[in-house]
Amino acid sequence: MKICIIVPSYNAAATLSSLLEALISLYPCVVIVDDGSEDETALIARYFARHGVVLLQHPVNRGKGAALRTGFNWAIKRGFEAAVTLDSDLQHSYEDLPGLLNIFNRDHLDLLIGTRFPNIKEMPKIRRFGNRFSSWIASRFCHQPIYDSQCGYRIYRLTTCKSILQALALERFDTETEVIIRIAFARLRIGFAPITVIYPTDEMHKTYYRPFWDTNLIFRFYVKEFCRRRFTHLGRQNTKRLKKHIKFLQYGHGISFEKS
């Protein structure tokens, strides 16, 4: 497959060099989407341009979802078949990627999401609770197990997810929930695989997830999605089709939706 790696980045100068040095030795196309950074993120990405790194920039900070959409659109226009997304703060191990790609191809997945629950005890408590709750809600909306709804370490099959990715409407961390729901509704195949996650405590690896505001945005999305499914004819129709599809996979083909 023709694959690119998309790294949404905001004020990531402290960690970006180490990440790019590792990635460019393994993969030919790495795309940095600088989401209005105020540090040297763009300068570092330009330095690595001679090694094939592509820099896309937002003049102001728009949010992780907007950065992902910019990266997806760039990759789709250039005919890439798959896109890997991972964070710039070194919490996602690039060493996991070959194994994730093997599972993605082996299981003919349209979306593979890394799951951090093998390392659940290392996750900060407030994020642990929020992730479990969010994943439980996502599972209910998708009518199939969603083991880690907020993990940004993912592989998308652009040839099948193209129209969904181009139509994403949200711009912050709620985008990662939106895309799971949309891909499930399109009856595409979602899989999960364990990943290594590091939760450093120093300022170099600062997270920009705002527990109150971003959780509220995700909650608002679920409320709107619930109303669409309950009170619109198309929403009710699509929900019925999804339920029938999941039952067919489970009982018609014996698929159990277990983690890979």
Protein backbone atom coordinates (compact mmCIF):
# COMPACT_ATOMS: atom_id res chain seq x y z
CA MET A 1 0.00 0.00 0.00
CA LYS A 2 0.93 3.62 -0.55
CA ILE A 3 0.98 4.91 3.04
CA CYS A 4 1.60 8.28 4.64
CA ILE A 5 1.96 9.16 8.32
CA ILE A 6 0.04 12.21 9.53
CA VAL A 7 1.21 13.92 12.72
CA PRO A 8 -1.03 16.75 13.99
CA SER A 9 1.28 19.07 15.92
CA TYR A 10 0.82 22.04 18.21
CA ASN A 11 3.79 23.53 20.06
CA ALA A 12 5.61 20.22 19.61
CA ALA A 13 9.17 21.50 19.20
CA ALA A 14 10.44 19.69 22.30
CA THR A 15 9.58 16.23 20.94
CA LEU A 16 9.22 16.57 17.17
CA SER A 17 12.88 16.09 16.22
CA SER A 18 13.13 12.77 18.05
CA LEU A 19 9.90 11.54 16.47
CA LEU A 20 10.89 12.54 12.94
CA GLU A 21 14.36 11.02 13.22
CA ALA A 22 12.73 7.70 14.05
CA LEU A 23 9.97 7.87 11.44
CA ILE A 24 11.98 8.96 8.40
CA SER A 25 14.29 5.98 8.78
CA LEU A 26 11.31 3.65 8.36
CA TYR A 27 8.65 5.38 6.24
CA PRO A 28 9.05 7.51 3.10
CA CYS A 29 6.19 9.98 3.66
CA VAL A 30 5.60 11.82 6.92
CA VAL A 31 3.23 14.80 7.03
CA ILE A 32 3.42 17.34 9.85
CA VAL A 33 0.31 19.49 10.24
CA ASP A 34 1.39 22.50 12.28
CA ASP A 35 -1.80 23.76 13.91
CA GLY A 36 -0.83 27.36 14.56
CA SER A 37 2.14 26.60 16.82
CA GLU A 38 3.87 29.46 18.62
CA ASP A 39 7.21 27.65 19.01
CA GLU A 40 9.70 26.19 16.51
CA THR A 41 7.50 23.29 15.34
CA ALA A 42 7.38 24.55 11.74
CA LEU A 43 11.12 25.29 11.67
CA ILE A 44 11.93 21.73 12.77
CA ALA A 45 9.58 20.25 10.17
CA ARG A 46 11.21 22.35 7.45
CA TYR A 47 14.64 21.10 8.52
CA PHE A 48 13.49 17.54 7.85
CA ALA A 49 11.99 18.44 4.46
CA ARG A 50 15.18 17.21 2.76
CA HIS A 51 14.30 13.76 4.09
CA GLY A 52 10.82 13.85 2.58
CA VAL A 53 8.88 15.35 5.47
CA VAL A 54 5.93 17.46 4.30
CA LEU A 55 4.84 20.53 6.30
CA LEU A 56 1.23 21.76 6.20
CA GLN A 57 0.38 24.82 8.30
CA HIS A 58 -2.62 26.51 9.86
CA PRO A 59 -1.99 30.22 10.49
CA VAL A 60 -3.92 29.98 13.78
CA ASN A 61 -4.74 27.12 16.12
CA ARG A 62 -7.93 25.39 14.95
CA GLY A 63 -7.83 22.11 16.88
CA LYS A 64 -6.66 18.54 16.43
CA GLY A 65 -9.66 17.57 14.33
CA ALA A 66 -9.01 20.39 11.87
CA ALA A 67 -5.35 19.36 11.65
CA LEU A 68 -6.32 15.77 10.94
CA ARG A 69 -8.75 16.84 8.24
CA THR A 70 -6.06 18.93 6.56
CA GLY A 71 -3.75 15.91 6.57
CA PHE A 72 -6.44 13.55 5.27
CA ASN A 73 -7.35 15.88 2.40
CA TRP A 74 -3.70 16.22 1.40
CA ALA A 75 -3.22 12.42 1.39
CA ILE A 76 -6.45 11.69 -0.48
CA LYS A 77 -5.67 14.20 -3.24
CA ARG A 78 -2.29 12.51 -3.77
CA GLY A 79 -3.66 9.01 -4.08
CA PHE A 80 -2.46 7.48 -0.83
CA GLU A 81 -4.26 4.25 0.03
CA ALA A 82 -3.85 4.44 3.80
CA ALA A 83 -2.96 7.00 6.45
CA VAL A 84 -1.46 6.46 9.87
CA THR A 85 -2.17 9.08 12.54
CA LEU A 86 -0.14 9.40 15.71
CA ASP A 87 0.54 12.14 18.24
CA SER A 88 3.65 14.30 18.27
CA ASP A 89 4.35 14.06 22.01
CA LEU A 90 6.11 10.65 21.91
CA GLN A 91 3.31 8.93 23.85
CA HIS A 92 2.79 6.64 20.86
CA SER A 93 5.62 4.24 20.09
CA TYR A 94 6.67 4.19 16.43
CA GLU A 95 8.01 0.68 17.08
CA ASP A 96 4.42 -0.61 17.27
CA LEU A 97 3.62 0.52 13.73
CA PRO A 98 4.89 -2.47 11.71
CA GLY A 99 2.78 -4.81 13.85
CA LEU A 100 -0.27 -2.57 13.55
CA LEU A 101 0.09 -2.48 9.77
CA ASN A 102 0.32 -6.28 9.66
CA ILE A 103 -2.95 -6.59 11.63
CA PHE A 104 -4.59 -3.90 9.48
CA ASN A 105 -3.79 -5.80 6.28
CA ARG A 106 -4.35 -9.28 7.70
CA ASP A 107 -7.86 -8.48 8.92
CA HIS A 108 -8.79 -6.30 5.91
CA LEU A 109 -9.75 -3.43 8.21
CA ASP A 110 -10.98 0.00 7.21
CA LEU A 111 -9.98 1.52 10.55
CA LEU A 112 -7.54 0.15 13.10
CA ILE A 113 -7.42 1.88 16.49
CA GLY A 114 -4.68 1.32 19.03
CA THR A 115 -5.97 0.38 22.46
CA ARG A 116 -4.15 1.53 25.59
CA PHE A 117 -5.97 -0.74 28.04
CA PRO A 118 -3.16 -3.28 28.39
CA ASN A 119 -1.42 -0.35 30.15
CA ILE A 120 -4.54 1.01 31.85
CA LYS A 121 -2.87 1.31 35.27
CA GLU A 122 -0.31 3.72 33.84
CA MET A 123 -3.01 6.06 32.52
CA PRO A 124 -3.79 9.11 34.74
CA LYS A 125 -6.93 8.41 36.79
CA ILE A 126 -9.08 11.19 35.37
CA ARG A 127 -8.26 10.14 31.80
CA ARG A 128 -8.82 6.50 32.68
CA PHE A 129 -12.37 7.16 33.86
CA GLY A 130 -13.18 9.44 30.93
CA ASN A 131 -11.81 6.95 28.41
CA ARG A 132 -13.73 4.02 29.85
CA PHE A 133 -16.96 6.02 29.89
CA SER A 134 -16.46 7.41 26.40
CA SER A 135 -15.62 3.97 25.01
CA TRP A 136 -18.74 2.51 26.64
CA ILE A 137 -20.94 5.17 25.02
CA ALA A 138 -19.23 4.70 21.65
CA SER A 139 -19.86 0.96 21.86
CA ARG A 140 -23.57 1.61 22.41
CA PHE A 141 -23.78 3.98 19.47
CA CYS A 142 -21.78 1.69 17.16
CA HIS A 143 -23.57 -1.51 18.31
CA GLN A 144 -20.19 -3.23 18.59
CA PRO A 145 -17.32 -3.12 21.10
CA ILE A 146 -15.22 0.05 20.92
CA TYR A 147 -12.26 -0.64 23.18
CA ASP A 148 -10.55 2.76 23.13
CA SER A 149 -12.54 5.59 21.55
CA GLN A 150 -10.05 8.37 22.28
CA CYS A 151 -6.75 6.90 21.15
CA GLY A 152 -5.24 8.89 18.29
CA TYR A 153 -2.92 6.10 17.10
CA ARG A 154 -4.88 4.84 14.11
CA ILE A 155 -4.68 3.51 10.56
CA TYR A 156 -7.33 4.55 8.02
CA ARG A 157 -7.97 2.87 4.69
CA LEU A 158 -8.40 5.98 2.57
CA THR A 159 -9.86 4.12 -0.39
CA THR A 160 -12.94 3.17 1.65
CA CYS A 161 -13.07 5.99 4.24
CA LYS A 162 -12.42 8.85 1.81
CA SER A 163 -15.92 10.34 1.67
CA ILE A 164 -16.33 10.10 5.46
CA LEU A 165 -13.02 11.79 6.22
CA GLN A 166 -13.70 14.60 3.76
CA ALA A 167 -17.13 15.25 5.32
CA LEU A 168 -15.99 15.49 8.96
CA ALA A 169 -17.52 18.56 10.58
CA LEU A 170 -15.89 18.83 14.02
CA GLU A 171 -12.52 20.44 14.70
CA ARG A 172 -11.32 19.58 18.19
CA PHE A 173 -10.71 16.27 20.01
CA ASP A 174 -14.36 15.33 19.37
CA THR A 175 -13.39 14.59 15.76
CA GLU A 176 -11.85 11.28 16.83
CA THR A 177 -15.23 10.23 18.25
CA GLU A 178 -17.12 11.55 15.23
CA VAL A 179 -15.05 9.53 12.77
CA ILE A 180 -15.61 6.25 14.64
CA ILE A 181 -19.38 6.76 14.61
CA ARG A 182 -19.41 7.68 10.92
CA ILE A 183 -17.25 4.73 9.89
CA ALA A 184 -19.41 2.34 11.92
CA PHE A 185 -22.57 3.78 10.34
CA ALA A 186 -21.06 3.22 6.91
CA ARG A 187 -20.78 -0.45 7.92
CA LEU A 188 -17.03 -0.47 7.44
CA ARG A 189 -14.81 -2.74 9.49
CA ILE A 190 -13.21 -1.42 12.69
CA GLY A 191 -10.52 -3.33 14.57
CA PHE A 192 -8.30 -2.79 17.61
CA ALA A 193 -4.78 -3.76 18.61
CA PRO A 194 -2.80 -3.12 21.82
CA ILE A 195 -0.15 -0.42 21.75
CA THR A 196 2.64 0.76 24.03
CA VAL A 197 1.90 4.10 25.66
CA ILE A 198 4.18 6.31 27.73
CA TYR A 199 2.76 8.88 30.13
CA PRO A 200 5.68 11.18 31.00
CA THR A 201 5.17 13.87 33.61
CA ASP A 202 7.56 16.55 32.36
CA GLU A 203 6.43 19.69 30.54
CA MET A 204 7.98 18.49 27.28
CA HIS A 205 5.08 16.10 26.85
CA LYS A 206 2.23 18.45 27.78
CA THR A 207 -1.24 17.35 26.66
CA TYR A 208 -3.62 19.90 25.16
CA TYR A 209 -6.73 17.88 25.92
CA ARG A 210 -8.96 20.03 28.16
CA PRO A 211 -10.86 17.59 30.41
CA PHE A 212 -13.92 19.79 30.95
CA TRP A 213 -14.28 21.56 27.60
CA ASP A 214 -13.29 18.71 25.31
CA THR A 215 -15.36 16.16 27.22
CA ASN A 216 -18.28 18.58 26.91
CA LEU A 217 -17.77 18.80 23.15
CA ILE A 218 -17.81 15.01 22.87
CA PHE A 219 -20.98 14.85 24.99
CA ARG A 220 -22.67 17.45 22.77
CA PHE A 221 -21.82 15.38 19.71
CA TYR A 222 -23.44 12.30 21.25
CA VAL A 223 -26.58 14.27 22.13
CA LYS A 224 -26.91 15.51 18.54
CA GLU A 225 -26.25 12.02 17.19
CA PHE A 226 -28.88 10.55 19.52
CA CYS A 227 -31.46 13.10 18.35
CA ARG A 228 -30.61 12.45 14.71
CA ARG A 229 -31.08 8.71 15.14
CA ARG A 230 -34.24 9.02 17.20
CA PHE A 231 -36.06 11.87 15.48
CA THR A 232 -35.12 11.71 11.79
CA HIS A 233 -36.28 9.11 9.31
CA LEU A 234 -32.82 8.71 7.76
CA GLY A 235 -31.22 8.35 11.19
CA ARG A 236 -33.65 5.62 12.24
CA GLN A 237 -33.19 3.85 8.91
CA ASN A 238 -29.41 3.92 9.12
CA THR A 239 -29.49 2.60 12.69
CA LYS A 240 -31.62 -0.37 11.65
CA ARG A 241 -29.23 -1.14 8.79
CA LEU A 242 -26.24 -0.99 11.11
CA LYS A 243 -27.87 -3.36 13.64
CA LYS A 244 -28.73 -5.84 10.87
CA HIS A 245 -25.21 -5.61 9.51
CA ILE A 246 -23.63 -6.33 12.91
CA LYS A 247 -25.95 -9.30 13.49
CA PHE A 248 -25.13 -10.65 10.05
CA LEU A 249 -21.39 -10.43 10.77
CA GLN A 250 -21.77 -12.05 14.18
CA TYR A 251 -24.11 -14.87 13.26
CA GLY A 252 -23.67 -15.16 9.52
CA HIS A 253 -19.89 -15.26 9.55
CA GLY A 254 -19.08 -15.96 13.18
CA ILE A 255 -17.16 -12.71 13.72
CA SER A 256 -16.77 -12.00 17.41
CA PHE A 257 -15.28 -8.45 17.33
CA GLU A 258 -12.47 -9.47 19.66
CA LYS A 259 -9.35 -7.34 19.96
CA SER A 260 -6.55 -8.46 17.64
